[in-house]
Each structure stands twice: as structure tokens, then as C-alpha cells.
Amino acid sequence: MRIVIATHDNDRHYYFCNQLIEQTSNVVGVITGAKPVYRSRFEQLKRTFRNNNAAFYARNKVLDLLFRKAGRAYWTEKKVAEQRYFGGSADHFDRHHGDLIVASIDRERRSINNPYYIDKIKELRPDVIAVMGTCLLGQGVISAAPHVLNMHTGLSPYYRGGQTNLWPILEGDFGYFGVTIHVMSLGIDSGEIVFTQRPEVEEKDTYADINCKCIMLGTNKMIDAVKRVESGRLETTKQWTKGKLFNNRDMNNYVAYRYFKKRQQFMSDYCRMVREERLPSVRLIG
């Protein structure tokens, strides 16, 4: 059994690495820095106007300016929570597992989908590629191992894309916090599901707390999934609905403002519904 990890380079990503390495003893290589796709400024501008119309882009810029205080508070909340849950994980990885890094994505080769990184992965002959926090993977990476499994911090198929443990608060959807382990596909968080799980939530929790709890749950589920691959017991379930898809462009500082306005009441109502066993019925896998 040979595992390659593809991930980014924050403490939460190194927590994922440390746990897989230490609880499976089967990790043969790690590729870091895999979240961004490096593009020139011209390419970024062209892509922005191809995927969004000019009015949408301008609106987001205005909202970011008007609600910048809420945006700063949102990202600070996330940073503080991740330090509390995962602080020191990068240092631990460097001290104990740094020799497992086989590549870090650079601007010259632009993304993990570059043939250079695909060849690096193939040289390691992985049985499983365990993915957390990368850009969208192309067919080259997906075809580089018999099993490519992704950890999505959201509850697929209901919420796919980015910030998907935030949007249930804004949408008023109780019961849709969670994490998903799924087979990697060319779609966004749309592959066949191995596990889904909801975290235990306290009234004082923030979105950042919930997301960190989901990362911890999801890491344990990823370990379980790769062990099932090894034993030949991996089972998957096709996604049964398209759900809601949120892209990075949907996030702006006004969304952060709305989150802070809604959070306290939502969390109070959520925890009351848990106590009263009135959360909506949500299909969970595994």
C-alpha cells in the first residue's frame, strides 16, 4: 500500500499530512503548495471577465470596499481558530516528515496539473492519492493512481465548492454542516461518496470552529478510507442530487457581514434543534 498526499501548505494541511503519515505508515510522498494556479495578471483579468460579467465583478469590488471591516474580521476569525486547532502542525511536519516532500508547486510550472508534477506522482507508484485543499485536478493527476480520494469540507452533494460550511448559515439550512470523503472526479466535489459526517456543534462555535472540526473528522475518515482500500473493502455511493454549488467568486466582504449578523441566532437555533432532535433528515454515507 503506497499513499501520496496532494495538499497545500498551511497548518491545517500539515495536520492532515501528519495524521495520515503517523496512522498509516504508508505515505511515500507529499506534494505541497497545490492550491493556487499561477497565472499572469492579464490571464487572471481575462478569466475573471470570462467567468463573470463586468457588472458582477464591479459589484464584488464595491461590496469588498464597503464591508472591508467585516471581511477582515471574518479572515481573522478563521486564522485564530486554525491556530487553536492546528497550530504547530507545519513545524511538526518539518521536524519529523519533511523528507517526504517530493515537490512544492512553483510559479514556473503553474499548477499541480503540470506534467512535471504528474510524473513525480507516477514515479512513486501510489495506490492512493489523498487530496486536501488543492486546485481542481485534471485527468492527468486523477489517472496517476488507482484511487484518488478527496476530503471536501462540506456536505456533498448538498453543498459543493468553496466555504461550504459557511453557506448553510447564510442559507438558513440547519443540519448541513459536514465533511465528505469522495472519489476525485473532474467535477467540483461531485465524485462518488465514501463517507459523509456531521460535526458536533456548540452554541459558541463559529463557522471557523465548525470548519476546523470538520477537517479533524474528515482526516479520520480519510485514514479509514485508505485502510479500506488496502483491505479491499472500499464502497462508494453515487451522488443523488446536484445540490448547491458555490464558487470562490461568490465570496465577498458583504457575505462576511451577513454571516456576522446571522451567526449568533443561527447557532442558538441549531443547537436547540439538536437538543430537541428536530434537525432536518439528511442522508449521510458510511
C-alpha atoms as a PDB file:
ATOM      1  CA  MET A   1       0.000   0.000   0.000  1.00  0.00           C
ATOM      2  CA  ARG A   2       1.534   3.297  -1.141  1.00  0.00           C
ATOM      3  CA  ILE A   3      -0.049   6.698  -0.440  1.00  0.00           C
ATOM      4  CA  VAL A   4       0.821  10.071  -1.944  1.00  0.00           C
ATOM      5  CA  ILE A   5      -0.640  13.219  -0.374  1.00  0.00           C
ATOM      6  CA  ALA A   6      -1.510  16.255  -2.501  1.00  0.00           C
ATOM      7  CA  THR A   7      -2.287  19.329  -0.417  1.00  0.00           C
ATOM      8  CA  HIS A   8      -1.462  22.981   0.292  1.00  0.00           C
ATOM      9  CA  ASP A   9       0.882  24.463   2.887  1.00  0.00           C
ATOM     10  CA  ASN A  10      -0.986  25.854   5.900  1.00  0.00           C
ATOM     11  CA  ASP A  11      -1.102  24.304   9.367  1.00  0.00           C
ATOM     12  CA  ARG A  12      -4.454  22.640   8.637  1.00  0.00           C
ATOM     13  CA  HIS A  13      -2.943  20.901   5.612  1.00  0.00           C
ATOM     14  CA  TYR A  14       0.078  19.725   7.551  1.00  0.00           C
ATOM     15  CA  TYR A  15      -2.239  18.405  10.275  1.00  0.00           C
ATOM     16  CA  PHE A  16      -3.835  16.258   7.558  1.00  0.00           C
ATOM     17  CA  CYS A  17      -0.381  15.094   6.442  1.00  0.00           C
ATOM     18  CA  ASN A  18       0.866  14.317   9.951  1.00  0.00           C
ATOM     19  CA  GLN A  19      -2.163  12.221  10.804  1.00  0.00           C
ATOM     20  CA  LEU A  20      -2.073  10.186   7.591  1.00  0.00           C
ATOM     21  CA  ILE A  21       1.662   9.594   7.870  1.00  0.00           C
ATOM     22  CA  GLU A  22       1.586   8.576  11.516  1.00  0.00           C
ATOM     23  CA  GLN A  23      -1.587   6.494  11.460  1.00  0.00           C
ATOM     24  CA  THR A  24      -0.990   4.559   8.245  1.00  0.00           C
ATOM     25  CA  SER A  25       2.828   4.314   7.883  1.00  0.00           C
ATOM     26  CA  ASN A  26       2.167   4.032   4.137  1.00  0.00           C
ATOM     27  CA  VAL A  27       2.800   7.588   2.891  1.00  0.00           C
ATOM     28  CA  VAL A  28       5.619   7.609   0.320  1.00  0.00           C
ATOM     29  CA  GLY A  29       5.472  11.236  -0.791  1.00  0.00           C
ATOM     30  CA  VAL A  30       3.832  14.625  -0.245  1.00  0.00           C
ATOM     31  CA  ILE A  31       3.237  17.410  -2.755  1.00  0.00           C
ATOM     32  CA  THR A  32       2.571  20.792  -1.153  1.00  0.00           C
ATOM     33  CA  GLY A  33       1.530  24.241  -2.326  1.00  0.00           C
ATOM     34  CA  ALA A  34      -1.127  22.730  -4.576  1.00  0.00           C
ATOM     35  CA  LYS A  35      -3.965  25.203  -4.007  1.00  0.00           C
ATOM     36  CA  PRO A  36      -3.111  28.008  -6.441  1.00  0.00           C
ATOM     37  CA  VAL A  37      -2.942  28.074 -10.194  1.00  0.00           C
ATOM     38  CA  TYR A  38      -0.326  30.692 -11.010  1.00  0.00           C
ATOM     39  CA  ARG A  39      -1.491  32.990 -13.813  1.00  0.00           C
ATOM     40  CA  SER A  40      -0.261  36.301 -15.171  1.00  0.00           C
ATOM     41  CA  ARG A  41      -2.259  39.398 -14.284  1.00  0.00           C
ATOM     42  CA  PHE A  42      -3.597  39.513 -17.825  1.00  0.00           C
ATOM     43  CA  GLU A  43      -4.710  35.871 -17.627  1.00  0.00           C
ATOM     44  CA  GLN A  44      -6.414  36.490 -14.301  1.00  0.00           C
ATOM     45  CA  LEU A  45      -8.294  39.502 -15.651  1.00  0.00           C
ATOM     46  CA  LYS A  46      -9.305  37.636 -18.809  1.00  0.00           C
ATOM     47  CA  ARG A  47     -10.509  34.677 -16.755  1.00  0.00           C
ATOM     48  CA  THR A  48     -12.475  36.911 -14.404  1.00  0.00           C
ATOM     49  CA  PHE A  49     -14.384  38.522 -17.228  1.00  0.00           C
ATOM     50  CA  ARG A  50     -14.937  35.191 -18.963  1.00  0.00           C
ATOM     51  CA  ASN A  51     -16.491  33.582 -15.894  1.00  0.00           C
ATOM     52  CA  ASN A  52     -18.338  36.632 -14.586  1.00  0.00           C
ATOM     53  CA  ASN A  53     -19.788  39.603 -16.346  1.00  0.00           C
ATOM     54  CA  ALA A  54     -18.297  43.028 -15.761  1.00  0.00           C
ATOM     55  CA  ALA A  55     -21.210  44.145 -13.591  1.00  0.00           C
ATOM     56  CA  PHE A  56     -20.772  41.155 -11.223  1.00  0.00           C
ATOM     57  CA  TYR A  57     -17.044  41.850 -10.927  1.00  0.00           C
ATOM     58  CA  ALA A  58     -17.625  45.551 -10.240  1.00  0.00           C
ATOM     59  CA  ARG A  59     -20.326  44.771  -7.691  1.00  0.00           C
ATOM     60  CA  ASN A  60     -17.983  42.494  -5.750  1.00  0.00           C
ATOM     61  CA  LYS A  61     -15.269  45.142  -5.717  1.00  0.00           C
ATOM     62  CA  VAL A  62     -17.688  47.729  -4.337  1.00  0.00           C
ATOM     63  CA  LEU A  63     -19.002  45.341  -1.685  1.00  0.00           C
ATOM     64  CA  ASP A  64     -15.459  44.440  -0.640  1.00  0.00           C
ATOM     65  CA  LEU A  65     -14.702  48.117  -0.163  1.00  0.00           C
ATOM     66  CA  LEU A  66     -17.912  48.950   1.713  1.00  0.00           C
ATOM     67  CA  PHE A  67     -17.712  45.957   4.069  1.00  0.00           C
ATOM     68  CA  ARG A  68     -13.965  45.574   4.418  1.00  0.00           C
ATOM     69  CA  LYS A  69     -14.177  45.637   8.244  1.00  0.00           C
ATOM     70  CA  ALA A  70     -16.402  42.540   8.217  1.00  0.00           C
ATOM     71  CA  GLY A  71     -14.071  40.868   5.738  1.00  0.00           C
ATOM     72  CA  ARG A  72     -11.051  41.446   7.972  1.00  0.00           C
ATOM     73  CA  ALA A  73     -12.957  40.106  10.984  1.00  0.00           C
ATOM     74  CA  TYR A  74     -14.007  37.005   9.048  1.00  0.00           C
ATOM     75  CA  TRP A  75     -10.487  36.085   7.957  1.00  0.00           C
ATOM     76  CA  THR A  76      -9.109  36.877  11.418  1.00  0.00           C
ATOM     77  CA  GLU A  77     -11.678  34.551  12.981  1.00  0.00           C
ATOM     78  CA  LYS A  78     -10.619  31.786  10.609  1.00  0.00           C
ATOM     79  CA  LYS A  79      -6.908  32.337  11.251  1.00  0.00           C
ATOM     80  CA  VAL A  80      -7.308  32.361  15.033  1.00  0.00           C
ATOM     81  CA  ALA A  81      -9.405  29.186  15.036  1.00  0.00           C
ATOM     82  CA  GLU A  82      -6.965  27.304  12.823  1.00  0.00           C
ATOM     83  CA  GLN A  83      -4.104  28.319  15.080  1.00  0.00           C
ATOM     84  CA  ARG A  84      -6.039  26.964  18.053  1.00  0.00           C
ATOM     85  CA  TYR A  85      -6.880  23.645  16.405  1.00  0.00           C
ATOM     86  CA  PHE A  86      -3.825  23.048  14.224  1.00  0.00           C
ATOM     87  CA  GLY A  87      -1.080  25.392  15.402  1.00  0.00           C
ATOM     88  CA  GLY A  88       2.388  23.851  15.232  1.00  0.00           C
ATOM     89  CA  SER A  89       1.429  21.235  12.625  1.00  0.00           C
ATOM     90  CA  ALA A  90       3.755  22.688   9.989  1.00  0.00           C
ATOM     91  CA  ASP A  91       6.690  22.699  12.417  1.00  0.00           C
ATOM     92  CA  HIS A  92       5.926  19.116  13.446  1.00  0.00           C
ATOM     93  CA  PHE A  93       5.844  18.047   9.820  1.00  0.00           C
ATOM     94  CA  ASP A  94       9.140  19.777   9.053  1.00  0.00           C
ATOM     95  CA  ARG A  95      10.857  18.119  12.018  1.00  0.00           C
ATOM     96  CA  HIS A  96       9.517  14.608  11.552  1.00  0.00           C
ATOM     97  CA  HIS A  97       8.322  14.163   7.970  1.00  0.00           C
ATOM     98  CA  GLY A  98       9.964  16.842   5.843  1.00  0.00           C
ATOM     99  CA  ASP A  99      11.908  14.230   3.905  1.00  0.00           C
ATOM    100  CA  LEU A 100       8.640  13.033   2.353  1.00  0.00           C
ATOM    101  CA  ILE A 101       8.158  16.202   0.300  1.00  0.00           C
ATOM    102  CA  VAL A 102       8.783  15.351  -3.333  1.00  0.00           C
ATOM    103  CA  ALA A 103       7.673  18.690  -4.825  1.00  0.00           C
ATOM    104  CA  SER A 104       6.209  22.080  -3.985  1.00  0.00           C
ATOM    105  CA  ILE A 105       4.227  23.847  -6.680  1.00  0.00           C
ATOM    106  CA  ASP A 106       6.037  26.859  -8.143  1.00  0.00           C
ATOM    107  CA  ARG A 107       5.129  29.703 -10.495  1.00  0.00           C
ATOM    108  CA  GLU A 108       7.221  28.330 -13.326  1.00  0.00           C
ATOM    109  CA  ARG A 109       5.120  25.163 -13.630  1.00  0.00           C
ATOM    110  CA  ARG A 110       1.903  26.945 -12.612  1.00  0.00           C
ATOM    111  CA  SER A 111      -0.130  24.118 -11.013  1.00  0.00           C
ATOM    112  CA  ILE A 112      -0.122  20.525  -9.839  1.00  0.00           C
ATOM    113  CA  ASN A 113      -1.628  19.593 -13.224  1.00  0.00           C
ATOM    114  CA  ASN A 114       1.699  20.313 -14.925  1.00  0.00           C
ATOM    115  CA  PRO A 115       3.218  17.129 -16.464  1.00  0.00           C
ATOM    116  CA  TYR A 116       6.290  17.616 -14.254  1.00  0.00           C
ATOM    117  CA  TYR A 117       4.259  17.006 -11.080  1.00  0.00           C
ATOM    118  CA  ILE A 118       2.211  14.250 -12.662  1.00  0.00           C
ATOM    119  CA  ASP A 119       5.459  12.436 -13.483  1.00  0.00           C
ATOM    120  CA  LYS A 120       6.651  12.967  -9.901  1.00  0.00           C
ATOM    121  CA  ILE A 121       3.494  11.295  -8.647  1.00  0.00           C
ATOM    122  CA  LYS A 122       3.727   8.398 -11.090  1.00  0.00           C
ATOM    123  CA  GLU A 123       7.341   7.728 -10.100  1.00  0.00           C
ATOM    124  CA  LEU A 124       6.092   6.958  -6.580  1.00  0.00           C
ATOM    125  CA  ARG A 125       3.661   4.302  -7.899  1.00  0.00           C
ATOM    126  CA  PRO A 126       0.855   5.226  -5.486  1.00  0.00           C
ATOM    127  CA  ASP A 127      -2.126   3.016  -4.792  1.00  0.00           C
ATOM    128  CA  VAL A 128      -3.941   6.035  -3.346  1.00  0.00           C
ATOM    129  CA  ILE A 129      -3.603   9.790  -3.776  1.00  0.00           C
ATOM    130  CA  ALA A 130      -5.128  11.513  -0.724  1.00  0.00           C
ATOM    131  CA  VAL A 131      -6.164  15.064  -1.573  1.00  0.00           C
ATOM    132  CA  MET A 132      -6.959  18.036   0.639  1.00  0.00           C
ATOM    133  CA  GLY A 133      -7.103  21.685  -0.390  1.00  0.00           C
ATOM    134  CA  THR A 134      -5.785  21.671  -3.950  1.00  0.00           C
ATOM    135  CA  CYS A 135      -6.937  23.378  -7.113  1.00  0.00           C
ATOM    136  CA  LEU A 136      -9.203  21.401  -9.430  1.00  0.00           C
ATOM    137  CA  LEU A 137      -7.330  18.313 -10.534  1.00  0.00           C
ATOM    138  CA  GLY A 138      -7.129  17.363 -14.198  1.00  0.00           C
ATOM    139  CA  GLN A 139      -7.304  13.926 -15.726  1.00  0.00           C
ATOM    140  CA  GLY A 140      -3.510  13.538 -15.603  1.00  0.00           C
ATOM    141  CA  VAL A 141      -3.430  13.555 -11.814  1.00  0.00           C
ATOM    142  CA  ILE A 142      -6.678  11.625 -11.462  1.00  0.00           C
ATOM    143  CA  SER A 143      -5.262   8.867 -13.673  1.00  0.00           C
ATOM    144  CA  ALA A 144      -1.963   8.671 -11.772  1.00  0.00           C
ATOM    145  CA  ALA A 145      -3.256   6.172  -9.185  1.00  0.00           C
ATOM    146  CA  PRO A 146      -5.962   3.516  -8.962  1.00  0.00           C
ATOM    147  CA  HIS A 147      -7.676   5.504  -6.193  1.00  0.00           C
ATOM    148  CA  VAL A 148      -7.758   9.299  -5.844  1.00  0.00           C
ATOM    149  CA  LEU A 149      -9.741  10.401  -2.787  1.00  0.00           C
ATOM    150  CA  ASN A 150     -10.585  13.970  -1.830  1.00  0.00           C
ATOM    151  CA  MET A 151     -11.559  15.496   1.504  1.00  0.00           C
ATOM    152  CA  HIS A 152     -14.209  18.174   0.959  1.00  0.00           C
ATOM    153  CA  THR A 153     -15.070  20.390   3.931  1.00  0.00           C
ATOM    154  CA  GLY A 154     -18.749  20.475   3.128  1.00  0.00           C
ATOM    155  CA  LEU A 155     -21.613  18.028   2.963  1.00  0.00           C
ATOM    156  CA  SER A 156     -21.850  16.678  -0.572  1.00  0.00           C
ATOM    157  CA  PRO A 157     -23.966  16.518  -2.574  1.00  0.00           C
ATOM    158  CA  TYR A 158     -25.910  19.222  -0.765  1.00  0.00           C
ATOM    159  CA  TYR A 159     -23.150  21.858  -0.594  1.00  0.00           C
ATOM    160  CA  ARG A 160     -20.232  21.760  -3.025  1.00  0.00           C
ATOM    161  CA  GLY A 161     -17.439  24.203  -3.842  1.00  0.00           C
ATOM    162  CA  GLY A 162     -15.866  26.760  -1.510  1.00  0.00           C
ATOM    163  CA  GLN A 163     -16.708  27.937   2.033  1.00  0.00           C
ATOM    164  CA  THR A 164     -19.374  25.248   2.160  1.00  0.00           C
ATOM    165  CA  ASN A 165     -19.665  25.138   5.927  1.00  0.00           C
ATOM    166  CA  LEU A 166     -20.357  28.882   5.840  1.00  0.00           C
ATOM    167  CA  TRP A 167     -23.173  28.948   3.323  1.00  0.00           C
ATOM    168  CA  PRO A 168     -25.665  26.877   5.373  1.00  0.00           C
ATOM    169  CA  ILE A 169     -25.649  29.703   7.932  1.00  0.00           C
ATOM    170  CA  LEU A 170     -26.447  32.263   5.258  1.00  0.00           C
ATOM    171  CA  GLU A 171     -28.994  29.994   3.556  1.00  0.00           C
ATOM    172  CA  GLY A 172     -30.716  29.111   6.835  1.00  0.00           C
ATOM    173  CA  ASP A 173     -30.144  25.381   6.242  1.00  0.00           C
ATOM    174  CA  PHE A 174     -29.998  23.511   9.537  1.00  0.00           C
ATOM    175  CA  GLY A 175     -28.193  20.188   9.505  1.00  0.00           C
ATOM    176  CA  TYR A 176     -25.933  20.801   6.518  1.00  0.00           C
ATOM    177  CA  PHE A 177     -22.565  21.320   8.196  1.00  0.00           C
ATOM    178  CA  GLY A 178     -20.200  18.476   7.465  1.00  0.00           C
ATOM    179  CA  VAL A 179     -17.298  16.852   5.657  1.00  0.00           C
ATOM    180  CA  THR A 180     -17.140  14.455   2.721  1.00  0.00           C
ATOM    181  CA  ILE A 181     -14.619  11.891   1.506  1.00  0.00           C
ATOM    182  CA  HIS A 182     -15.275  11.227  -2.157  1.00  0.00           C
ATOM    183  CA  VAL A 183     -13.658   9.764  -5.228  1.00  0.00           C
ATOM    184  CA  MET A 184     -11.985  12.543  -7.199  1.00  0.00           C
ATOM    185  CA  SER A 185     -13.678  13.447 -10.468  1.00  0.00           C
ATOM    186  CA  LEU A 186     -13.385  16.274 -12.993  1.00  0.00           C
ATOM    187  CA  GLY A 187     -16.420  17.971 -11.450  1.00  0.00           C
ATOM    188  CA  ILE A 188     -16.411  20.069  -8.293  1.00  0.00           C
ATOM    189  CA  ASP A 189     -16.854  17.802  -5.237  1.00  0.00           C
ATOM    190  CA  SER A 190     -19.094  15.611  -7.375  1.00  0.00           C
ATOM    191  CA  GLY A 191     -17.406  12.186  -7.291  1.00  0.00           C
ATOM    192  CA  GLU A 192     -18.858   9.078  -5.702  1.00  0.00           C
ATOM    193  CA  ILE A 193     -19.031   9.373  -1.922  1.00  0.00           C
ATOM    194  CA  VAL A 194     -17.126   7.174   0.518  1.00  0.00           C
ATOM    195  CA  PHE A 195     -18.083   8.921   3.772  1.00  0.00           C
ATOM    196  CA  THR A 196     -20.013  11.932   4.982  1.00  0.00           C
ATOM    197  CA  GLN A 197     -20.157  13.076   8.582  1.00  0.00           C
ATOM    198  CA  ARG A 198     -21.580  15.965  10.583  1.00  0.00           C
ATOM    199  CA  PRO A 199     -19.642  17.544  13.467  1.00  0.00           C
ATOM    200  CA  GLU A 200     -20.898  18.085  16.973  1.00  0.00           C
ATOM    201  CA  VAL A 201     -21.653  21.794  17.213  1.00  0.00           C
ATOM    202  CA  GLU A 202     -21.799  24.004  20.302  1.00  0.00           C
ATOM    203  CA  GLU A 203     -23.695  27.269  20.553  1.00  0.00           C
ATOM    204  CA  LYS A 204     -20.472  29.253  20.964  1.00  0.00           C
ATOM    205  CA  ASP A 205     -18.990  27.801  17.784  1.00  0.00           C
ATOM    206  CA  THR A 206     -18.204  29.968  14.788  1.00  0.00           C
ATOM    207  CA  TYR A 207     -18.000  28.957  11.150  1.00  0.00           C
ATOM    208  CA  ALA A 208     -14.244  28.695  11.666  1.00  0.00           C
ATOM    209  CA  ASP A 209     -14.700  26.301  14.610  1.00  0.00           C
ATOM    210  CA  ILE A 210     -17.108  24.163  12.627  1.00  0.00           C
ATOM    211  CA  ASN A 211     -14.774  24.008   9.649  1.00  0.00           C
ATOM    212  CA  CYS A 212     -11.829  23.006  11.847  1.00  0.00           C
ATOM    213  CA  LYS A 213     -13.892  20.283  13.478  1.00  0.00           C
ATOM    214  CA  CYS A 214     -14.813  19.037  10.013  1.00  0.00           C
ATOM    215  CA  ILE A 215     -11.155  18.931   8.987  1.00  0.00           C
ATOM    216  CA  MET A 216     -10.389  16.768  12.008  1.00  0.00           C
ATOM    217  CA  LEU A 217     -13.350  14.478  11.319  1.00  0.00           C
ATOM    218  CA  GLY A 218     -12.514  14.312   7.631  1.00  0.00           C
ATOM    219  CA  THR A 219      -8.887  13.436   8.307  1.00  0.00           C
ATOM    220  CA  ASN A 220     -10.005  10.466  10.403  1.00  0.00           C
ATOM    221  CA  LYS A 221     -12.413   9.428   7.662  1.00  0.00           C
ATOM    222  CA  MET A 222      -9.668   9.686   5.032  1.00  0.00           C
ATOM    223  CA  ILE A 223      -7.496   7.371   7.132  1.00  0.00           C
ATOM    224  CA  ASP A 224     -10.422   4.963   7.364  1.00  0.00           C
ATOM    225  CA  ALA A 225     -10.959   5.187   3.594  1.00  0.00           C
ATOM    226  CA  VAL A 226      -7.353   4.373   2.677  1.00  0.00           C
ATOM    227  CA  LYS A 227      -7.384   1.454   5.092  1.00  0.00           C
ATOM    228  CA  ARG A 228     -10.490   0.178   3.334  1.00  0.00           C
ATOM    229  CA  VAL A 229      -8.690   0.461   0.016  1.00  0.00           C
ATOM    230  CA  GLU A 230      -5.884  -1.639   1.459  1.00  0.00           C
ATOM    231  CA  SER A 231      -8.282  -4.313   2.696  1.00  0.00           C
ATOM    232  CA  GLY A 232     -10.385  -4.291  -0.468  1.00  0.00           C
ATOM    233  CA  ARG A 233     -13.477  -3.052   1.381  1.00  0.00           C
ATOM    234  CA  LEU A 234     -13.894   0.410  -0.153  1.00  0.00           C
ATOM    235  CA  GLU A 235     -17.510   1.120  -1.085  1.00  0.00           C
ATOM    236  CA  THR A 236     -18.845   4.237  -2.795  1.00  0.00           C
ATOM    237  CA  THR A 237     -22.239   5.827  -3.417  1.00  0.00           C
ATOM    238  CA  LYS A 238     -23.178   7.915  -6.440  1.00  0.00           C
ATOM    239  CA  GLN A 239     -24.306  11.434  -5.593  1.00  0.00           C
ATOM    240  CA  TRP A 240     -28.103  11.571  -5.766  1.00  0.00           C
ATOM    241  CA  THR A 241     -28.679  15.292  -6.334  1.00  0.00           C
ATOM    242  CA  LYS A 242     -26.763  18.274  -7.686  1.00  0.00           C
ATOM    243  CA  GLY A 243     -27.229  20.318  -4.535  1.00  0.00           C
ATOM    244  CA  LYS A 244     -25.870  23.853  -4.304  1.00  0.00           C
ATOM    245  CA  LEU A 245     -22.552  24.906  -5.795  1.00  0.00           C
ATOM    246  CA  PHE A 246     -20.611  27.928  -4.501  1.00  0.00           C
ATOM    247  CA  ASN A 247     -17.540  29.268  -6.271  1.00  0.00           C
ATOM    248  CA  ASN A 248     -14.781  31.471  -4.863  1.00  0.00           C
ATOM    249  CA  ARG A 249     -16.258  34.431  -6.744  1.00  0.00           C
ATOM    250  CA  ASP A 250     -19.431  34.109  -4.638  1.00  0.00           C
ATOM    251  CA  MET A 251     -17.498  35.154  -1.528  1.00  0.00           C
ATOM    252  CA  ASN A 252     -17.086  38.850  -0.744  1.00  0.00           C
ATOM    253  CA  ASN A 253     -16.980  41.080   2.316  1.00  0.00           C
ATOM    254  CA  TYR A 254     -20.759  41.619   2.247  1.00  0.00           C
ATOM    255  CA  VAL A 255     -21.166  37.860   2.660  1.00  0.00           C
ATOM    256  CA  ALA A 256     -18.918  38.125   5.726  1.00  0.00           C
ATOM    257  CA  TYR A 257     -21.096  40.965   7.049  1.00  0.00           C
ATOM    258  CA  ARG A 258     -24.240  38.879   6.576  1.00  0.00           C
ATOM    259  CA  TYR A 259     -22.561  35.970   8.352  1.00  0.00           C
ATOM    260  CA  PHE A 260     -21.826  38.024  11.463  1.00  0.00           C
ATOM    261  CA  LYS A 261     -25.422  39.325  11.505  1.00  0.00           C
ATOM    262  CA  LYS A 262     -26.880  35.821  11.307  1.00  0.00           C
ATOM    263  CA  ARG A 263     -24.383  33.674  13.208  1.00  0.00           C
ATOM    264  CA  GLN A 264     -25.495  34.028  16.813  1.00  0.00           C
ATOM    265  CA  GLN A 265     -29.191  33.411  16.179  1.00  0.00           C
ATOM    266  CA  PHE A 266     -28.498  30.589  13.753  1.00  0.00           C
ATOM    267  CA  MET A 267     -26.199  28.752  16.157  1.00  0.00           C
ATOM    268  CA  SER A 268     -28.671  29.175  19.012  1.00  0.00           C
ATOM    269  CA  ASP A 269     -31.496  27.795  16.876  1.00  0.00           C
ATOM    270  CA  TYR A 270     -29.270  24.991  15.540  1.00  0.00           C
ATOM    271  CA  CYS A 271     -28.271  23.754  18.987  1.00  0.00           C
ATOM    272  CA  ARG A 272     -31.860  23.938  20.212  1.00  0.00           C
ATOM    273  CA  MET A 273     -32.941  21.805  17.244  1.00  0.00           C
ATOM    274  CA  VAL A 274     -30.209  19.290  18.070  1.00  0.00           C
ATOM    275  CA  ARG A 275     -31.394  19.062  21.689  1.00  0.00           C
ATOM    276  CA  GLU A 276     -34.985  18.623  20.533  1.00  0.00           C
ATOM    277  CA  GLU A 277     -33.934  16.125  17.840  1.00  0.00           C
ATOM    278  CA  ARG A 278     -35.542  18.272  15.165  1.00  0.00           C
ATOM    279  CA  LEU A 279     -32.684  18.651  12.686  1.00  0.00           C
ATOM    280  CA  PRO A 280     -33.793  18.004   9.099  1.00  0.00           C
ATOM    281  CA  SER A 281     -33.257  14.497   7.785  1.00  0.00           C
ATOM    282  CA  VAL A 282     -30.011  14.479   5.806  1.00  0.00           C
ATOM    283  CA  ARG A 283     -28.681  11.410   4.034  1.00  0.00           C
ATOM    284  CA  LEU A 284     -25.218  10.536   5.376  1.00  0.00           C
ATOM    285  CA  ILE A 285     -22.915   7.870   3.944  1.00  0.00           C
ATOM    286  CA  GLY A 286     -20.816   5.458   5.968  1.00  0.00           C
END
